[in-house]
C-alpha cells in the first residue's frame, strides 16, 4: 500500500480569523493540507467537545495532553481484529485521504523506433473520500 504524498504542512485555518471555527469550504480546504492522522486527531477533539467520544487528560511535565477514545473506519477496525457491534451507527462522517492504484494498458513508443507496443502501467492516485467512523465502545474483538 502506498502513501499519499500530499502533505503540505499543518494549517490552523484562516490567518485573518482569530477564532477556531471554520466554514465547510474553509475546513475542506484545510483538511486537504493534513495527513489522515491529523484529520482524525482534529475530528477526535471536535467529537470529544461535543460529548460523542470519551477522553482523559494526562499531565506530562507541565503540559496537559488529551488522549481520546479510538475512532476508526469499519475497514480499519476489521484489520485490527474487531467488528462493529450489530445495530451501531457511525458516530461521525468526514473525509480522509484514500490511496488507489490500478493497472492499465498503455501504448508505448520505443525511442528511435516507430514500433508501438502495449504495456501494463500501474497508475497511483490519492483523493479525499468521506468515511464513516466508529468509536472503541462500538466494536468488539472478533472471536
N, C-alpha and C. Protein backbone atom coordinates (compact mmCIF):
# COMPACT_ATOMS: atom_id res chain seq x y z
N UNK A 1 0.84 -1.18 0.00
CA UNK A 1 0.00 0.00 0.00
C UNK A 1 0.89 1.24 0.00
N UNK A 2 0.55 2.18 -0.79
CA UNK A 2 1.34 3.40 -0.90
C UNK A 2 0.92 4.45 0.09
N UNK A 3 1.68 5.49 0.13
CA UNK A 3 1.39 6.62 1.00
C UNK A 3 1.09 7.82 0.11
N UNK A 4 0.03 8.53 0.42
CA UNK A 4 -0.32 9.72 -0.35
C UNK A 4 0.68 10.81 -0.02
N UNK A 5 1.42 11.24 -1.01
CA UNK A 5 2.43 12.28 -0.81
C UNK A 5 1.80 13.64 -1.07
N UNK A 6 0.86 13.99 -0.21
CA UNK A 6 0.11 15.21 -0.42
C UNK A 6 0.16 16.13 0.78
N UNK A 7 1.03 15.85 1.72
CA UNK A 7 1.10 16.64 2.94
C UNK A 7 1.91 17.90 2.68
N UNK A 8 1.28 19.05 2.86
CA UNK A 8 1.94 20.33 2.61
C UNK A 8 2.29 21.06 3.90
N UNK A 9 1.99 20.48 5.04
CA UNK A 9 2.20 21.16 6.32
C UNK A 9 0.88 21.42 6.99
N UNK A 10 0.89 21.57 8.29
CA UNK A 10 -0.33 21.74 9.07
C UNK A 10 -0.82 23.18 8.98
N UNK A 11 -2.08 23.33 8.70
CA UNK A 11 -2.68 24.66 8.61
C UNK A 11 -3.64 24.85 9.78
N UNK A 12 -3.64 25.98 10.39
CA UNK A 12 -4.53 26.27 11.52
C UNK A 12 -5.74 27.09 11.08
N UNK A 13 -6.12 26.98 9.83
CA UNK A 13 -7.29 27.72 9.36
C UNK A 13 -6.89 29.04 8.76
N UNK A 14 -7.83 29.95 8.68
CA UNK A 14 -7.65 31.25 8.07
C UNK A 14 -6.80 32.14 8.97
N UNK A 15 -5.69 32.68 8.47
CA UNK A 15 -4.80 33.53 9.26
C UNK A 15 -5.47 34.82 9.70
N UNK A 16 -6.50 35.27 9.00
CA UNK A 16 -7.19 36.52 9.34
C UNK A 16 -8.29 36.31 10.37
N UNK A 17 -8.51 35.07 10.79
CA UNK A 17 -9.60 34.74 11.70
C UNK A 17 -9.03 34.39 13.07
N UNK A 18 -9.46 35.06 14.12
CA UNK A 18 -8.96 34.80 15.46
C UNK A 18 -9.68 33.66 16.15
N UNK A 19 -10.73 33.12 15.55
CA UNK A 19 -11.47 32.01 16.16
C UNK A 19 -11.01 30.70 15.55
N UNK A 20 -11.36 29.59 16.22
CA UNK A 20 -11.03 28.27 15.69
C UNK A 20 -12.14 27.72 14.81
N UNK A 21 -13.25 28.46 14.69
CA UNK A 21 -14.37 27.99 13.89
C UNK A 21 -14.09 28.25 12.41
N UNK A 22 -14.41 27.26 11.59
CA UNK A 22 -14.24 27.42 10.15
C UNK A 22 -15.52 26.98 9.45
N UNK A 23 -15.76 27.55 8.28
CA UNK A 23 -16.92 27.15 7.49
C UNK A 23 -16.59 25.86 6.76
N UNK A 24 -17.59 25.24 6.16
CA UNK A 24 -17.39 24.00 5.42
C UNK A 24 -16.29 24.10 4.37
N UNK A 25 -16.33 25.11 3.46
CA UNK A 25 -15.27 25.22 2.46
C UNK A 25 -13.89 25.47 3.06
N UNK A 26 -13.82 26.29 4.12
CA UNK A 26 -12.53 26.53 4.76
C UNK A 26 -12.00 25.25 5.38
N UNK A 27 -12.87 24.52 6.04
CA UNK A 27 -12.45 23.27 6.69
C UNK A 27 -12.01 22.26 5.64
N UNK A 28 -12.74 22.14 4.55
CA UNK A 28 -12.37 21.20 3.48
C UNK A 28 -11.01 21.57 2.90
N UNK A 29 -10.79 22.88 2.70
CA UNK A 29 -9.50 23.33 2.15
C UNK A 29 -8.39 23.03 3.14
N UNK A 30 -8.64 23.24 4.43
CA UNK A 30 -7.63 22.97 5.45
C UNK A 30 -7.34 21.48 5.52
N UNK A 31 -8.38 20.63 5.46
CA UNK A 31 -8.19 19.19 5.56
C UNK A 31 -7.33 18.65 4.43
N UNK A 32 -7.34 19.28 3.25
CA UNK A 32 -6.54 18.79 2.15
C UNK A 32 -5.06 19.04 2.38
N UNK A 33 -4.71 19.79 3.41
CA UNK A 33 -3.32 20.07 3.74
C UNK A 33 -2.86 19.25 4.94
N UNK A 34 -3.64 18.25 5.32
CA UNK A 34 -3.34 17.45 6.50
C UNK A 34 -3.23 15.98 6.14
N UNK A 35 -2.49 15.22 6.95
CA UNK A 35 -2.43 13.78 6.79
C UNK A 35 -3.68 13.17 7.41
N UNK A 36 -3.95 11.89 7.14
CA UNK A 36 -5.11 11.23 7.74
C UNK A 36 -5.02 11.27 9.26
N UNK A 37 -3.84 11.03 9.82
CA UNK A 37 -3.68 11.03 11.29
C UNK A 37 -4.06 12.39 11.86
N UNK A 38 -3.68 13.47 11.19
CA UNK A 38 -4.01 14.82 11.66
C UNK A 38 -5.51 15.10 11.52
N UNK A 39 -6.10 14.65 10.42
CA UNK A 39 -7.54 14.85 10.21
C UNK A 39 -8.33 14.12 11.30
N UNK A 40 -7.95 12.87 11.60
CA UNK A 40 -8.64 12.08 12.62
C UNK A 40 -8.44 12.69 14.00
N UNK A 41 -7.22 13.15 14.30
CA UNK A 41 -6.96 13.77 15.60
C UNK A 41 -7.79 15.04 15.78
N UNK A 42 -7.86 15.87 14.74
CA UNK A 42 -8.64 17.10 14.81
C UNK A 42 -10.12 16.78 15.04
N UNK A 43 -10.65 15.81 14.30
CA UNK A 43 -12.05 15.44 14.45
C UNK A 43 -12.32 14.74 15.77
N UNK A 44 -11.34 14.03 16.32
CA UNK A 44 -11.49 13.42 17.65
C UNK A 44 -11.69 14.49 18.70
N UNK A 45 -10.93 15.58 18.61
CA UNK A 45 -11.08 16.70 19.54
C UNK A 45 -12.47 17.31 19.44
N UNK A 46 -12.97 17.46 18.22
CA UNK A 46 -14.30 18.02 17.99
C UNK A 46 -15.37 17.08 18.57
N UNK A 47 -15.21 15.78 18.34
CA UNK A 47 -16.17 14.79 18.85
C UNK A 47 -16.15 14.75 20.37
N UNK A 48 -14.96 14.90 20.97
CA UNK A 48 -14.84 14.92 22.43
C UNK A 48 -15.57 16.14 23.00
N UNK A 49 -15.35 17.30 22.41
CA UNK A 49 -16.01 18.52 22.87
C UNK A 49 -17.52 18.43 22.73
N UNK A 50 -17.99 17.68 21.73
CA UNK A 50 -19.43 17.50 21.51
C UNK A 50 -20.01 16.39 22.39
N UNK A 51 -19.15 15.69 23.14
CA UNK A 51 -19.61 14.62 24.02
C UNK A 51 -19.88 13.30 23.32
N UNK A 52 -19.38 13.14 22.10
CA UNK A 52 -19.64 11.90 21.35
C UNK A 52 -18.62 10.80 21.62
N UNK A 53 -17.41 11.17 22.08
CA UNK A 53 -16.42 10.19 22.47
C UNK A 53 -15.83 10.60 23.82
N UNK A 54 -15.24 9.62 24.50
CA UNK A 54 -14.65 9.92 25.80
C UNK A 54 -13.16 10.24 25.63
N UNK A 55 -12.56 10.71 26.69
CA UNK A 55 -11.15 11.03 26.66
C UNK A 55 -10.65 11.26 28.07
N UNK A 56 -9.33 11.27 28.20
CA UNK A 56 -8.77 11.54 29.52
C UNK A 56 -7.57 12.47 29.37
N UNK A 57 -7.37 13.24 30.40
CA UNK A 57 -6.29 14.22 30.42
C UNK A 57 -5.13 13.65 31.22
N UNK A 58 -3.92 13.80 30.68
CA UNK A 58 -2.71 13.34 31.35
C UNK A 58 -1.71 14.47 31.39
N UNK A 59 -1.07 14.65 32.54
CA UNK A 59 -0.02 15.67 32.66
C UNK A 59 1.33 15.02 32.34
N UNK A 60 2.05 15.60 31.40
CA UNK A 60 3.41 15.18 31.08
C UNK A 60 4.28 16.40 31.38
N UNK A 61 4.93 16.36 32.54
CA UNK A 61 5.65 17.54 32.99
C UNK A 61 4.64 18.63 33.29
N UNK A 62 4.78 19.76 32.63
CA UNK A 62 3.84 20.87 32.82
C UNK A 62 2.84 20.98 31.68
N UNK A 63 2.81 19.97 30.80
CA UNK A 63 1.94 20.01 29.63
C UNK A 63 0.79 19.02 29.83
N UNK A 64 -0.44 19.51 29.59
CA UNK A 64 -1.61 18.64 29.65
C UNK A 64 -1.85 18.04 28.27
N UNK A 65 -1.93 16.71 28.20
CA UNK A 65 -2.14 16.01 26.95
C UNK A 65 -3.47 15.27 27.02
N UNK A 66 -4.31 15.45 25.98
CA UNK A 66 -5.59 14.75 25.92
C UNK A 66 -5.43 13.46 25.13
N UNK A 67 -5.97 12.40 25.68
CA UNK A 67 -5.99 11.10 25.00
C UNK A 67 -7.44 10.74 24.76
N UNK A 68 -7.83 10.66 23.48
CA UNK A 68 -9.23 10.43 23.12
C UNK A 68 -9.49 8.95 22.86
N UNK A 69 -10.76 8.56 23.01
CA UNK A 69 -11.20 7.22 22.66
C UNK A 69 -10.88 6.99 21.18
N UNK A 70 -10.39 5.80 20.85
CA UNK A 70 -10.01 5.49 19.46
C UNK A 70 -11.22 5.51 18.54
N UNK A 71 -11.05 6.13 17.39
CA UNK A 71 -12.07 6.06 16.34
C UNK A 71 -11.37 5.60 15.06
N UNK A 72 -12.05 4.71 14.34
CA UNK A 72 -11.52 4.19 13.08
C UNK A 72 -12.67 3.91 12.12
N UNK A 73 -12.33 3.69 10.86
CA UNK A 73 -13.33 3.28 9.88
C UNK A 73 -13.68 1.81 10.10
N UNK A 74 -14.76 1.37 9.49
CA UNK A 74 -15.16 -0.04 9.56
C UNK A 74 -14.02 -0.94 9.11
N UNK A 75 -13.40 -0.59 7.97
CA UNK A 75 -12.32 -1.42 7.42
C UNK A 75 -11.11 -1.46 8.35
N UNK A 76 -10.77 -0.34 8.98
CA UNK A 76 -9.61 -0.31 9.88
C UNK A 76 -9.87 -1.15 11.12
N UNK A 77 -11.09 -1.05 11.70
CA UNK A 77 -11.40 -1.89 12.86
C UNK A 77 -11.29 -3.37 12.48
N UNK A 78 -11.77 -3.72 11.30
CA UNK A 78 -11.70 -5.11 10.84
C UNK A 78 -10.24 -5.56 10.73
N UNK A 79 -9.38 -4.71 10.16
CA UNK A 79 -7.96 -5.02 10.03
C UNK A 79 -7.29 -5.16 11.40
N UNK A 80 -7.82 -4.47 12.41
CA UNK A 80 -7.27 -4.55 13.77
C UNK A 80 -7.82 -5.73 14.56
N UNK A 81 -8.73 -6.51 13.93
CA UNK A 81 -9.28 -7.69 14.59
C UNK A 81 -10.56 -7.43 15.38
N UNK A 82 -11.29 -6.38 15.03
CA UNK A 82 -12.54 -6.05 15.69
C UNK A 82 -13.67 -6.03 14.68
N UNK A 83 -14.90 -6.12 15.19
CA UNK A 83 -16.07 -5.94 14.33
C UNK A 83 -17.00 -4.95 15.00
N UNK A 84 -17.73 -4.21 14.19
CA UNK A 84 -18.69 -3.25 14.71
C UNK A 84 -19.89 -4.04 15.23
N UNK A 85 -20.32 -3.69 16.44
CA UNK A 85 -21.46 -4.37 17.06
C UNK A 85 -22.72 -4.16 16.22
N UNK A 86 -23.56 -5.18 16.20
CA UNK A 86 -24.80 -5.13 15.43
C UNK A 86 -25.66 -3.95 15.88
N UNK A 87 -26.16 -3.19 14.89
CA UNK A 87 -27.05 -2.07 15.15
C UNK A 87 -26.35 -0.75 15.42
N UNK A 88 -25.03 -0.74 15.54
CA UNK A 88 -24.31 0.51 15.81
C UNK A 88 -24.27 1.38 14.57
N UNK A 89 -24.41 2.67 14.78
CA UNK A 89 -24.34 3.67 13.71
C UNK A 89 -23.04 4.45 13.87
N UNK A 90 -22.50 4.93 12.77
CA UNK A 90 -21.27 5.71 12.81
C UNK A 90 -21.46 6.95 13.69
N UNK A 91 -20.42 7.28 14.48
CA UNK A 91 -20.51 8.47 15.32
C UNK A 91 -20.11 9.72 14.56
N UNK A 92 -19.43 9.53 13.41
CA UNK A 92 -19.00 10.69 12.63
C UNK A 92 -18.76 10.28 11.19
N UNK A 93 -18.88 11.27 10.32
CA UNK A 93 -18.54 11.12 8.90
C UNK A 93 -17.70 12.32 8.51
N UNK A 94 -16.51 12.05 8.01
CA UNK A 94 -15.67 13.13 7.50
C UNK A 94 -14.71 12.55 6.47
N UNK A 95 -14.12 13.41 5.68
CA UNK A 95 -13.27 12.98 4.57
C UNK A 95 -11.84 12.75 5.02
N UNK A 96 -11.27 11.65 4.52
CA UNK A 96 -9.87 11.33 4.71
C UNK A 96 -9.28 10.96 3.36
N UNK A 97 -7.94 10.88 3.30
CA UNK A 97 -7.28 10.51 2.06
C UNK A 97 -7.45 9.03 1.76
N UNK A 98 -7.71 8.71 0.53
CA UNK A 98 -7.83 7.33 0.05
C UNK A 98 -6.75 7.13 -1.01
N UNK A 99 -6.00 6.06 -0.87
CA UNK A 99 -4.96 5.72 -1.84
C UNK A 99 -5.52 4.66 -2.78
N UNK A 100 -5.29 4.82 -4.07
CA UNK A 100 -5.77 3.85 -5.05
C UNK A 100 -4.72 3.63 -6.12
N UNK A 101 -4.70 2.43 -6.63
CA UNK A 101 -3.84 2.15 -7.77
C UNK A 101 -4.57 1.20 -8.69
N UNK A 102 -4.28 1.35 -9.98
CA UNK A 102 -4.89 0.46 -10.96
C UNK A 102 -3.89 0.21 -12.07
N UNK A 103 -4.02 -0.94 -12.68
CA UNK A 103 -3.16 -1.31 -13.80
C UNK A 103 -3.93 -1.07 -15.08
N UNK A 104 -3.31 -0.33 -16.00
CA UNK A 104 -3.94 -0.01 -17.27
C UNK A 104 -3.00 -0.37 -18.42
N UNK A 105 -3.58 -0.59 -19.59
CA UNK A 105 -2.79 -0.86 -20.80
C UNK A 105 -2.53 0.48 -21.49
N UNK A 106 -1.27 0.76 -21.79
CA UNK A 106 -0.91 2.00 -22.48
C UNK A 106 -0.06 1.68 -23.70
N UNK A 107 -0.27 2.48 -24.74
CA UNK A 107 0.57 2.35 -25.93
C UNK A 107 1.89 3.06 -25.67
N UNK A 108 2.98 2.35 -25.88
CA UNK A 108 4.31 2.91 -25.64
C UNK A 108 5.10 2.85 -26.94
N UNK A 109 5.80 3.94 -27.25
CA UNK A 109 6.65 4.02 -28.44
C UNK A 109 8.10 3.89 -27.99
N UNK A 110 8.84 3.00 -28.61
CA UNK A 110 10.26 2.85 -28.28
C UNK A 110 11.06 3.97 -28.91
N UNK A 111 12.06 4.47 -28.18
CA UNK A 111 12.91 5.56 -28.69
C UNK A 111 13.65 5.08 -29.93
N UNK A 112 13.69 5.96 -30.92
CA UNK A 112 14.41 5.66 -32.16
C UNK A 112 13.70 4.64 -33.04
N UNK A 113 12.46 4.33 -32.72
CA UNK A 113 11.73 3.34 -33.50
C UNK A 113 10.28 3.79 -33.65
N UNK A 114 9.65 3.36 -34.70
CA UNK A 114 8.24 3.66 -34.92
C UNK A 114 7.35 2.56 -34.34
N UNK A 115 7.96 1.55 -33.75
CA UNK A 115 7.23 0.41 -33.21
C UNK A 115 6.45 0.82 -31.95
N UNK A 116 5.17 0.48 -31.95
CA UNK A 116 4.30 0.79 -30.82
C UNK A 116 3.93 -0.52 -30.15
N UNK A 117 4.09 -0.56 -28.82
CA UNK A 117 3.75 -1.76 -28.07
C UNK A 117 2.76 -1.41 -26.96
N UNK A 118 2.03 -2.40 -26.52
CA UNK A 118 1.11 -2.23 -25.39
C UNK A 118 1.81 -2.73 -24.13
N UNK A 119 1.85 -1.88 -23.11
CA UNK A 119 2.47 -2.26 -21.85
C UNK A 119 1.51 -1.99 -20.71
N UNK A 120 1.62 -2.83 -19.65
CA UNK A 120 0.83 -2.60 -18.45
C UNK A 120 1.55 -1.58 -17.58
N UNK A 121 0.82 -0.56 -17.16
CA UNK A 121 1.38 0.50 -16.33
C UNK A 121 0.48 0.64 -15.09
N UNK A 122 1.10 0.76 -13.92
CA UNK A 122 0.35 0.97 -12.68
C UNK A 122 0.23 2.46 -12.42
N UNK A 123 -1.01 2.94 -12.32
CA UNK A 123 -1.26 4.35 -12.02
C UNK A 123 -1.70 4.45 -10.56
N UNK A 124 -1.14 5.43 -9.85
CA UNK A 124 -1.46 5.65 -8.45
C UNK A 124 -2.11 7.02 -8.29
N UNK A 125 -3.03 7.12 -7.33
CA UNK A 125 -3.65 8.42 -7.06
C UNK A 125 -4.12 8.49 -5.61
N UNK A 126 -4.30 9.70 -5.13
CA UNK A 126 -4.86 9.97 -3.81
C UNK A 126 -6.00 10.95 -3.98
N UNK A 127 -7.07 10.72 -3.23
CA UNK A 127 -8.21 11.62 -3.29
C UNK A 127 -8.91 11.60 -1.94
N UNK A 128 -9.68 12.65 -1.68
CA UNK A 128 -10.44 12.72 -0.44
C UNK A 128 -11.73 11.93 -0.60
N UNK A 129 -12.06 11.10 0.41
CA UNK A 129 -13.27 10.30 0.39
C UNK A 129 -13.93 10.37 1.76
N UNK A 130 -15.23 10.64 1.75
CA UNK A 130 -15.96 10.67 3.01
C UNK A 130 -16.05 9.26 3.59
N UNK A 131 -15.74 9.12 4.86
CA UNK A 131 -15.73 7.82 5.53
C UNK A 131 -16.53 7.89 6.82
N UNK A 132 -17.07 6.74 7.23
CA UNK A 132 -17.81 6.62 8.48
C UNK A 132 -16.86 6.12 9.56
N UNK A 133 -16.95 6.71 10.76
CA UNK A 133 -16.07 6.36 11.86
C UNK A 133 -16.86 5.81 13.04
N UNK A 134 -16.27 4.80 13.69
CA UNK A 134 -16.86 4.14 14.84
C UNK A 134 -15.88 4.24 16.01
N UNK A 135 -16.43 4.39 17.23
CA UNK A 135 -15.61 4.50 18.44
C UNK A 135 -15.34 3.11 19.01
N UNK A 136 -14.36 3.04 19.90
CA UNK A 136 -13.95 1.77 20.51
C UNK A 136 -15.12 1.09 21.21
N UNK A 137 -15.97 1.86 21.86
CA UNK A 137 -17.11 1.27 22.59
C UNK A 137 -18.14 0.64 21.65
N UNK A 138 -18.04 0.91 20.34
CA UNK A 138 -18.99 0.37 19.37
C UNK A 138 -18.50 -0.91 18.70
N UNK A 139 -17.32 -1.39 19.09
CA UNK A 139 -16.75 -2.58 18.46
C UNK A 139 -16.46 -3.66 19.50
N UNK A 140 -16.27 -4.87 19.00
CA UNK A 140 -15.91 -5.99 19.87
C UNK A 140 -14.88 -6.84 19.16
N UNK A 141 -14.04 -7.53 19.93
CA UNK A 141 -12.98 -8.37 19.38
C UNK A 141 -13.61 -9.51 18.60
N UNK A 142 -13.04 -9.82 17.44
CA UNK A 142 -13.54 -10.94 16.64
C UNK A 142 -13.04 -12.23 17.29
N UNK A 143 -13.98 -13.15 17.54
CA UNK A 143 -13.63 -14.41 18.23
C UNK A 143 -12.88 -15.36 17.35
